[in-house]
Amino acid sequence: MDEKRSRFKRIAAIIGVVILVLMYLLLLLFAIIDVAGWQRYFFACMGATIIIPVILWINMYLYDRMMDRRKENEQQDG
């Protein structure tokens, strides 16, 4: 079970990092080619820099809780 949890957390963290890096690269590209309104994208990136890790943490927390509950139910049944 612990190996499965660890794998899930690792995959979720990698997905989060990839999303943030792609978002920053797009922002840099928009600023370099001077896309109109790139400032809005900048503020969206600032918000996403906070929101994406929080959402990932909540997902990992809920996953752990579900797995703990499943383990308790299996122990009670078995």
PDB file of N, CA and C in Angstrom:
ATOM      1  N   MET A   1       0.809  -1.198   0.000  1.00  0.00           N
ATOM      2  CA  MET A   1       0.000   0.000   0.000  1.00  0.00           C
ATOM      3  C   MET A   1       0.857   1.269   0.000  1.00  0.00           C
ATOM      4  N   ASP A   2       1.880   1.283   0.838  1.00  0.00           N
ATOM      5  CA  ASP A   2       2.707   2.483   0.930  1.00  0.00           C
ATOM      6  C   ASP A   2       3.411   2.782  -0.380  1.00  0.00           C
ATOM      7  N   GLU A   3       3.783   1.735  -1.106  1.00  0.00           N
ATOM      8  CA  GLU A   3       4.435   1.936  -2.398  1.00  0.00           C
ATOM      9  C   GLU A   3       3.469   2.574  -3.395  1.00  0.00           C
ATOM     10  N   LYS A   4       2.210   2.177  -3.333  1.00  0.00           N
ATOM     11  CA  LYS A   4       1.196   2.745  -4.223  1.00  0.00           C
ATOM     12  C   LYS A   4       0.965   4.220  -3.901  1.00  0.00           C
ATOM     13  N   ARG A   5       0.926   4.543  -2.607  1.00  0.00           N
ATOM     14  CA  ARG A   5       0.764   5.942  -2.190  1.00  0.00           C
ATOM     15  C   ARG A   5       1.943   6.782  -2.667  1.00  0.00           C
ATOM     16  N   SER A   6       3.129   6.246  -2.462  1.00  0.00           N
ATOM     17  CA  SER A   6       4.334   6.965  -2.850  1.00  0.00           C
ATOM     18  C   SER A   6       4.352   7.231  -4.356  1.00  0.00           C
ATOM     19  N   ARG A   7       3.961   6.235  -5.129  1.00  0.00           N
ATOM     20  CA  ARG A   7       3.926   6.383  -6.585  1.00  0.00           C
ATOM     21  C   ARG A   7       2.919   7.451  -7.000  1.00  0.00           C
ATOM     22  N   PHE A   8       1.735   7.440  -6.368  1.00  0.00           N
ATOM     23  CA  PHE A   8       0.714   8.435  -6.678  1.00  0.00           C
ATOM     24  C   PHE A   8       1.215   9.842  -6.368  1.00  0.00           C
ATOM     25  N   LYS A   9       1.830  10.011  -5.211  1.00  0.00           N
ATOM     26  CA  LYS A   9       2.336  11.332  -4.822  1.00  0.00           C
ATOM     27  C   LYS A   9       3.430  11.802  -5.773  1.00  0.00           C
ATOM     28  N   ARG A  10       4.292  10.890  -6.179  1.00  0.00           N
ATOM     29  CA  ARG A  10       5.376  11.240  -7.099  1.00  0.00           C
ATOM     30  C   ARG A  10       4.814  11.683  -8.448  1.00  0.00           C
ATOM     31  N   ILE A  11       3.835  10.942  -8.956  1.00  0.00           N
ATOM     32  CA  ILE A  11       3.228  11.289 -10.247  1.00  0.00           C
ATOM     33  C   ILE A  11       2.507  12.621 -10.156  1.00  0.00           C
ATOM     34  N   ALA A  12       1.772  12.842  -9.073  1.00  0.00           N
ATOM     35  CA  ALA A  12       1.057  14.109  -8.896  1.00  0.00           C
ATOM     36  C   ALA A  12       2.025  15.284  -8.827  1.00  0.00           C
ATOM     37  N   ALA A  13       3.138  15.108  -8.126  1.00  0.00           N
ATOM     38  CA  ALA A  13       4.134  16.176  -8.028  1.00  0.00           C
ATOM     39  C   ALA A  13       4.762  16.476  -9.386  1.00  0.00           C
ATOM     40  N   ILE A  14       5.064  15.441 -10.134  1.00  0.00           N
ATOM     41  CA  ILE A  14       5.655  15.643 -11.467  1.00  0.00           C
ATOM     42  C   ILE A  14       4.675  16.369 -12.378  1.00  0.00           C
ATOM     43  N   ILE A  15       3.407  15.986 -12.332  1.00  0.00           N
ATOM     44  CA  ILE A  15       2.392  16.654 -13.151  1.00  0.00           C
ATOM     45  C   ILE A  15       2.298  18.131 -12.764  1.00  0.00           C
ATOM     46  N   GLY A  16       2.318  18.422 -11.478  1.00  0.00           N
ATOM     47  CA  GLY A  16       2.273  19.808 -11.025  1.00  0.00           C
ATOM     48  C   GLY A  16       3.459  20.620 -11.506  1.00  0.00           C
ATOM     49  N   VAL A  17       4.643  20.049 -11.419  1.00  0.00           N
ATOM     50  CA  VAL A  17       5.845  20.749 -11.878  1.00  0.00           C
ATOM     51  C   VAL A  17       5.786  20.994 -13.380  1.00  0.00           C
ATOM     52  N   VAL A  18       5.356  19.999 -14.142  1.00  0.00           N
ATOM     53  CA  VAL A  18       5.260  20.156 -15.598  1.00  0.00           C
ATOM     54  C   VAL A  18       4.272  21.261 -15.953  1.00  0.00           C
ATOM     55  N   ILE A  19       3.123  21.283 -15.291  1.00  0.00           N
ATOM     56  CA  ILE A  19       2.120  22.328 -15.562  1.00  0.00           C
ATOM     57  C   ILE A  19       2.700  23.707 -15.271  1.00  0.00           C
ATOM     58  N   LEU A  20       3.372  23.860 -14.120  1.00  0.00           N
ATOM     59  CA  LEU A  20       3.933  25.164 -13.771  1.00  0.00           C
ATOM     60  C   LEU A  20       5.028  25.591 -14.743  1.00  0.00           C
ATOM     61  N   VAL A  21       5.908  24.673 -15.130  1.00  0.00           N
ATOM     62  CA  VAL A  21       6.991  25.012 -16.059  1.00  0.00           C
ATOM     63  C   VAL A  21       6.420  25.416 -17.418  1.00  0.00           C
ATOM     64  N   LEU A  22       5.460  24.660 -17.928  1.00  0.00           N
ATOM     65  CA  LEU A  22       4.844  25.025 -19.213  1.00  0.00           C
ATOM     66  C   LEU A  22       4.158  26.386 -19.137  1.00  0.00           C
ATOM     67  N   MET A  23       3.506  26.637 -18.021  1.00  0.00           N
ATOM     68  CA  MET A  23       2.825  27.917 -17.847  1.00  0.00           C
ATOM     69  C   MET A  23       3.838  29.067 -17.859  1.00  0.00           C
ATOM     70  N   TYR A  24       4.962  28.906 -17.167  1.00  0.00           N
ATOM     71  CA  TYR A  24       5.992  29.947 -17.144  1.00  0.00           C
ATOM     72  C   TYR A  24       6.633  30.142 -18.516  1.00  0.00           C
ATOM     73  N   LEU A  25       6.856  29.052 -19.237  1.00  0.00           N
ATOM     74  CA  LEU A  25       7.429  29.169 -20.581  1.00  0.00           C
ATOM     75  C   LEU A  25       6.483  29.906 -21.522  1.00  0.00           C
ATOM     76  N   LEU A  26       5.187  29.602 -21.427  1.00  0.00           N
ATOM     77  CA  LEU A  26       4.217  30.322 -22.256  1.00  0.00           C
ATOM     78  C   LEU A  26       4.182  31.798 -21.899  1.00  0.00           C
ATOM     79  N   LEU A  27       4.241  32.110 -20.611  1.00  0.00           N
ATOM     80  CA  LEU A  27       4.260  33.506 -20.185  1.00  0.00           C
ATOM     81  C   LEU A  27       5.489  34.220 -20.735  1.00  0.00           C
ATOM     82  N   LEU A  28       6.637  33.566 -20.661  1.00  0.00           N
ATOM     83  CA  LEU A  28       7.865  34.152 -21.196  1.00  0.00           C
ATOM     84  C   LEU A  28       7.739  34.390 -22.701  1.00  0.00           C
ATOM     85  N   LEU A  29       7.194  33.417 -23.402  1.00  0.00           N
ATOM     86  CA  LEU A  29       6.993  33.550 -24.845  1.00  0.00           C
ATOM     87  C   LEU A  29       6.057  34.710 -25.164  1.00  0.00           C
ATOM     88  N   PHE A  30       4.960  34.818 -24.413  1.00  0.00           N
ATOM     89  CA  PHE A  30       4.011  35.911 -24.642  1.00  0.00           C
ATOM     90  C   PHE A  30       4.658  37.268 -24.388  1.00  0.00           C
ATOM     91  N   ALA A  31       5.503  37.354 -23.372  1.00  0.00           N
ATOM     92  CA  ALA A  31       6.177  38.621 -23.070  1.00  0.00           C
ATOM     93  C   ALA A  31       7.210  38.960 -24.146  1.00  0.00           C
ATOM     94  N   ILE A  32       7.915  37.952 -24.658  1.00  0.00           N
ATOM     95  CA  ILE A  32       8.945  38.199 -25.667  1.00  0.00           C
ATOM     96  C   ILE A  32       8.329  38.656 -26.987  1.00  0.00           C
ATOM     97  N   ILE A  33       7.265  37.987 -27.415  1.00  0.00           N
ATOM     98  CA  ILE A  33       6.668  38.372 -28.697  1.00  0.00           C
ATOM     99  C   ILE A  33       5.645  39.490 -28.541  1.00  0.00           C
ATOM    100  N   ASP A  34       5.491  39.992 -27.310  1.00  0.00           N
ATOM    101  CA  ASP A  34       4.654  41.149 -27.004  1.00  0.00           C
ATOM    102  C   ASP A  34       3.191  40.924 -27.404  1.00  0.00           C
ATOM    103  N   VAL A  35       2.627  39.867 -26.863  1.00  0.00           N
ATOM    104  CA  VAL A  35       1.201  39.593 -27.062  1.00  0.00           C
ATOM    105  C   VAL A  35       0.412  40.620 -26.259  1.00  0.00           C
ATOM    106  N   ALA A  36      -0.614  41.179 -26.870  1.00  0.00           N
ATOM    107  CA  ALA A  36      -1.434  42.178 -26.185  1.00  0.00           C
ATOM    108  C   ALA A  36      -2.070  41.551 -24.946  1.00  0.00           C
ATOM    109  N   GLY A  37      -1.964  42.238 -23.834  1.00  0.00           N
ATOM    110  CA  GLY A  37      -2.567  41.764 -22.594  1.00  0.00           C
ATOM    111  C   GLY A  37      -1.780  40.702 -21.863  1.00  0.00           C
ATOM    112  N   TRP A  38      -0.473  40.625 -22.096  1.00  0.00           N
ATOM    113  CA  TRP A  38       0.322  39.588 -21.436  1.00  0.00           C
ATOM    114  C   TRP A  38       0.358  39.808 -19.925  1.00  0.00           C
ATOM    115  N   GLN A  39       0.046  41.020 -19.489  1.00  0.00           N
ATOM    116  CA  GLN A  39       0.030  41.295 -18.057  1.00  0.00           C
ATOM    117  C   GLN A  39      -1.056  40.465 -17.352  1.00  0.00           C
ATOM    118  N   ARG A  40      -2.188  40.258 -18.034  1.00  0.00           N
ATOM    119  CA  ARG A  40      -3.246  39.413 -17.454  1.00  0.00           C
ATOM    120  C   ARG A  40      -2.751  37.991 -17.277  1.00  0.00           C
ATOM    121  N   TYR A  41      -1.973  37.499 -18.240  1.00  0.00           N
ATOM    122  CA  TYR A  41      -1.410  36.158 -18.133  1.00  0.00           C
ATOM    123  C   TYR A  41      -0.428  36.081 -16.968  1.00  0.00           C
ATOM    124  N   PHE A  42       0.301  37.169 -16.744  1.00  0.00           N
ATOM    125  CA  PHE A  42       1.239  37.208 -15.631  1.00  0.00           C
ATOM    126  C   PHE A  42       0.507  37.044 -14.296  1.00  0.00           C
ATOM    127  N   PHE A  43      -0.579  37.795 -14.128  1.00  0.00           N
ATOM    128  CA  PHE A  43      -1.332  37.693 -12.883  1.00  0.00           C
ATOM    129  C   PHE A  43      -2.022  36.332 -12.748  1.00  0.00           C
ATOM    130  N   ALA A  44      -2.432  35.764 -13.865  1.00  0.00           N
ATOM    131  CA  ALA A  44      -3.006  34.417 -13.828  1.00  0.00           C
ATOM    132  C   ALA A  44      -1.948  33.405 -13.399  1.00  0.00           C
ATOM    133  N   CYS A  45      -0.718  33.577 -13.868  1.00  0.00           N
ATOM    134  CA  CYS A  45       0.382  32.689 -13.465  1.00  0.00           C
ATOM    135  C   CYS A  45       0.688  32.831 -11.978  1.00  0.00           C
ATOM    136  N   MET A  46       0.627  34.051 -11.490  1.00  0.00           N
ATOM    137  CA  MET A  46       0.859  34.255 -10.061  1.00  0.00           C
ATOM    138  C   MET A  46      -0.188  33.510  -9.239  1.00  0.00           C
ATOM    139  N   GLY A  47      -1.439  33.596  -9.655  1.00  0.00           N
ATOM    140  CA  GLY A  47      -2.498  32.890  -8.941  1.00  0.00           C
ATOM    141  C   GLY A  47      -2.354  31.387  -9.052  1.00  0.00           C
ATOM    142  N   ALA A  48      -2.020  30.910 -10.234  1.00  0.00           N
ATOM    143  CA  ALA A  48      -1.871  29.470 -10.458  1.00  0.00           C
ATOM    144  C   ALA A  48      -0.673  28.912  -9.705  1.00  0.00           C
ATOM    145  N   THR A  49       0.355  29.738  -9.483  1.00  0.00           N
ATOM    146  CA  THR A  49       1.518  29.302  -8.729  1.00  0.00           C
ATOM    147  C   THR A  49       1.130  28.941  -7.300  1.00  0.00           C
ATOM    148  N   ILE A  50       0.111  29.573  -6.786  1.00  0.00           N
ATOM    149  CA  ILE A  50      -0.381  29.258  -5.442  1.00  0.00           C
ATOM    150  C   ILE A  50      -1.449  28.170  -5.497  1.00  0.00           C
ATOM    151  N   ILE A  51      -2.368  28.279  -6.434  1.00  0.00           N
ATOM    152  CA  ILE A  51      -3.532  27.389  -6.476  1.00  0.00           C
ATOM    153  C   ILE A  51      -3.167  25.955  -6.872  1.00  0.00           C
ATOM    154  N   ILE A  52      -2.318  25.770  -7.867  1.00  0.00           N
ATOM    155  CA  ILE A  52      -1.994  24.415  -8.349  1.00  0.00           C
ATOM    156  C   ILE A  52      -1.358  23.555  -7.250  1.00  0.00           C
ATOM    157  N   PRO A  53      -0.344  24.031  -6.521  1.00  0.00           N
ATOM    158  CA  PRO A  53       0.196  23.191  -5.444  1.00  0.00           C
ATOM    159  C   PRO A  53      -0.824  22.904  -4.334  1.00  0.00           C
ATOM    160  N   VAL A  54      -1.676  23.868  -4.032  1.00  0.00           N
ATOM    161  CA  VAL A  54      -2.695  23.649  -2.996  1.00  0.00           C
ATOM    162  C   VAL A  54      -3.674  22.568  -3.440  1.00  0.00           C
ATOM    163  N   ILE A  55      -4.117  22.628  -4.693  1.00  0.00           N
ATOM    164  CA  ILE A  55      -5.036  21.614  -5.210  1.00  0.00           C
ATOM    165  C   ILE A  55      -4.371  20.241  -5.210  1.00  0.00           C
ATOM    166  N   LEU A  56      -3.114  20.174  -5.612  1.00  0.00           N
ATOM    167  CA  LEU A  56      -2.396  18.897  -5.586  1.00  0.00           C
ATOM    168  C   LEU A  56      -2.264  18.362  -4.165  1.00  0.00           C
ATOM    169  N   TRP A  57      -1.982  19.240  -3.201  1.00  0.00           N
ATOM    170  CA  TRP A  57      -1.867  18.805  -1.822  1.00  0.00           C
ATOM    171  C   TRP A  57      -3.204  18.265  -1.315  1.00  0.00           C
ATOM    172  N   ILE A  58      -4.296  18.952  -1.631  1.00  0.00           N
ATOM    173  CA  ILE A  58      -5.625  18.494  -1.214  1.00  0.00           C
ATOM    174  C   ILE A  58      -5.925  17.127  -1.821  1.00  0.00           C
ATOM    175  N   ASN A  59      -5.603  16.947  -3.096  1.00  0.00           N
ATOM    176  CA  ASN A  59      -5.831  15.650  -3.735  1.00  0.00           C
ATOM    177  C   ASN A  59      -5.023  14.543  -3.062  1.00  0.00           C
ATOM    178  N   MET A  60      -3.764  14.815  -2.748  1.00  0.00           N
ATOM    179  CA  MET A  60      -2.940  13.807  -2.091  1.00  0.00           C
ATOM    180  C   MET A  60      -3.465  13.494  -0.690  1.00  0.00           C
ATOM    181  N   TYR A  61      -3.906  14.510   0.028  1.00  0.00           N
ATOM    182  CA  TYR A  61      -4.457  14.324   1.363  1.00  0.00           C
ATOM    183  C   TYR A  61      -5.719  13.456   1.307  1.00  0.00           C
ATOM    184  N   LEU A  62      -6.619  13.783   0.386  1.00  0.00           N
ATOM    185  CA  LEU A  62      -7.846  13.004   0.256  1.00  0.00           C
ATOM    186  C   LEU A  62      -7.562  11.571  -0.183  1.00  0.00           C
ATOM    187  N   TYR A  63      -6.594  11.392  -1.043  1.00  0.00           N
ATOM    188  CA  TYR A  63      -6.204  10.046  -1.475  1.00  0.00           C
ATOM    189  C   TYR A  63      -5.704   9.236  -0.279  1.00  0.00           C
ATOM    190  N   ASP A  64      -4.869   9.841   0.544  1.00  0.00           N
ATOM    191  CA  ASP A  64      -4.381   9.144   1.737  1.00  0.00           C
ATOM    192  C   ASP A  64      -5.530   8.769   2.668  1.00  0.00           C
ATOM    193  N   ARG A  65      -6.465   9.687   2.854  1.00  0.00           N
ATOM    194  CA  ARG A  65      -7.617   9.405   3.719  1.00  0.00           C
ATOM    195  C   ARG A  65      -8.453   8.256   3.164  1.00  0.00           C
ATOM    196  N   MET A  66      -8.682   8.260   1.856  1.00  0.00           N
ATOM    197  CA  MET A  66      -9.454   7.175   1.245  1.00  0.00           C
ATOM    198  C   MET A  66      -8.745   5.839   1.418  1.00  0.00           C
ATOM    199  N   MET A  67      -7.448   5.810   1.211  1.00  0.00           N
ATOM    200  CA  MET A  67      -6.696   4.566   1.333  1.00  0.00           C
ATOM    201  C   MET A  67      -6.693   4.074   2.781  1.00  0.00           C
ATOM    202  N   ASP A  68      -6.586   5.001   3.739  1.00  0.00           N
ATOM    203  CA  ASP A  68      -6.642   4.608   5.143  1.00  0.00           C
ATOM    204  C   ASP A  68      -8.004   4.018   5.489  1.00  0.00           C
ATOM    205  N   ARG A  69      -9.051   4.645   4.999  1.00  0.00           N
ATOM    206  CA  ARG A  69     -10.400   4.159   5.262  1.00  0.00           C
ATOM    207  C   ARG A  69     -10.609   2.786   4.613  1.00  0.00           C
ATOM    208  N   ARG A  70     -10.114   2.615   3.407  1.00  0.00           N
ATOM    209  CA  ARG A  70     -10.237   1.318   2.724  1.00  0.00           C
ATOM    210  C   ARG A  70      -9.492   0.238   3.518  1.00  0.00           C
ATOM    211  N   LYS A  71      -8.309   0.571   4.021  1.00  0.00           N
ATOM    212  CA  LYS A  71      -7.516  -0.377   4.791  1.00  0.00           C
ATOM    213  C   LYS A  71      -8.251  -0.769   6.083  1.00  0.00           C
ATOM    214  N   GLU A  72      -8.864   0.218   6.748  1.00  0.00           N
ATOM    215  CA  GLU A  72      -9.636  -0.069   7.963  1.00  0.00           C
ATOM    216  C   GLU A  72     -10.814  -0.978   7.658  1.00  0.00           C
ATOM    217  N   ASN A  73     -11.517  -0.719   6.553  1.00  0.00           N
ATOM    218  CA  ASN A  73     -12.655  -1.555   6.181  1.00  0.00           C
ATOM    219  C   ASN A  73     -12.222  -2.974   5.858  1.00  0.00           C
ATOM    220  N   GLU A  74     -11.099  -3.137   5.203  1.00  0.00           N
ATOM    221  CA  GLU A  74     -10.597  -4.469   4.888  1.00  0.00           C
ATOM    222  C   GLU A  74     -10.230  -5.230   6.155  1.00  0.00           C
ATOM    223  N   GLN A  75      -9.666  -4.524   7.137  1.00  0.00           N
ATOM    224  CA  GLN A  75      -9.299  -5.171   8.390  1.00  0.00           C
ATOM    225  C   GLN A  75     -10.534  -5.593   9.181  1.00  0.00           C
ATOM    226  N   GLN A  76     -11.593  -4.773   9.127  1.00  0.00           N
ATOM    227  CA  GLN A  76     -12.818  -5.102   9.844  1.00  0.00           C
ATOM    228  C   GLN A  76     -13.541  -6.273   9.177  1.00  0.00           C
ATOM    229  N   ASP A  77     -13.513  -6.299   7.860  1.00  0.00           N
ATOM    230  CA  ASP A  77     -14.191  -7.369   7.127  1.00  0.00           C
ATOM    231  C   ASP A  77     -13.430  -8.681   7.195  1.00  0.00           C
ATOM    232  N   GLY A  78     -12.119  -8.586   7.199  1.00  0.00           N
ATOM    233  CA  GLY A  78     -11.295  -9.780   7.086  1.00  0.00           C
ATOM    234  C   GLY A  78     -10.814 -10.247   8.366  1.00  0.00           C
TER     235      GLY A  78
END
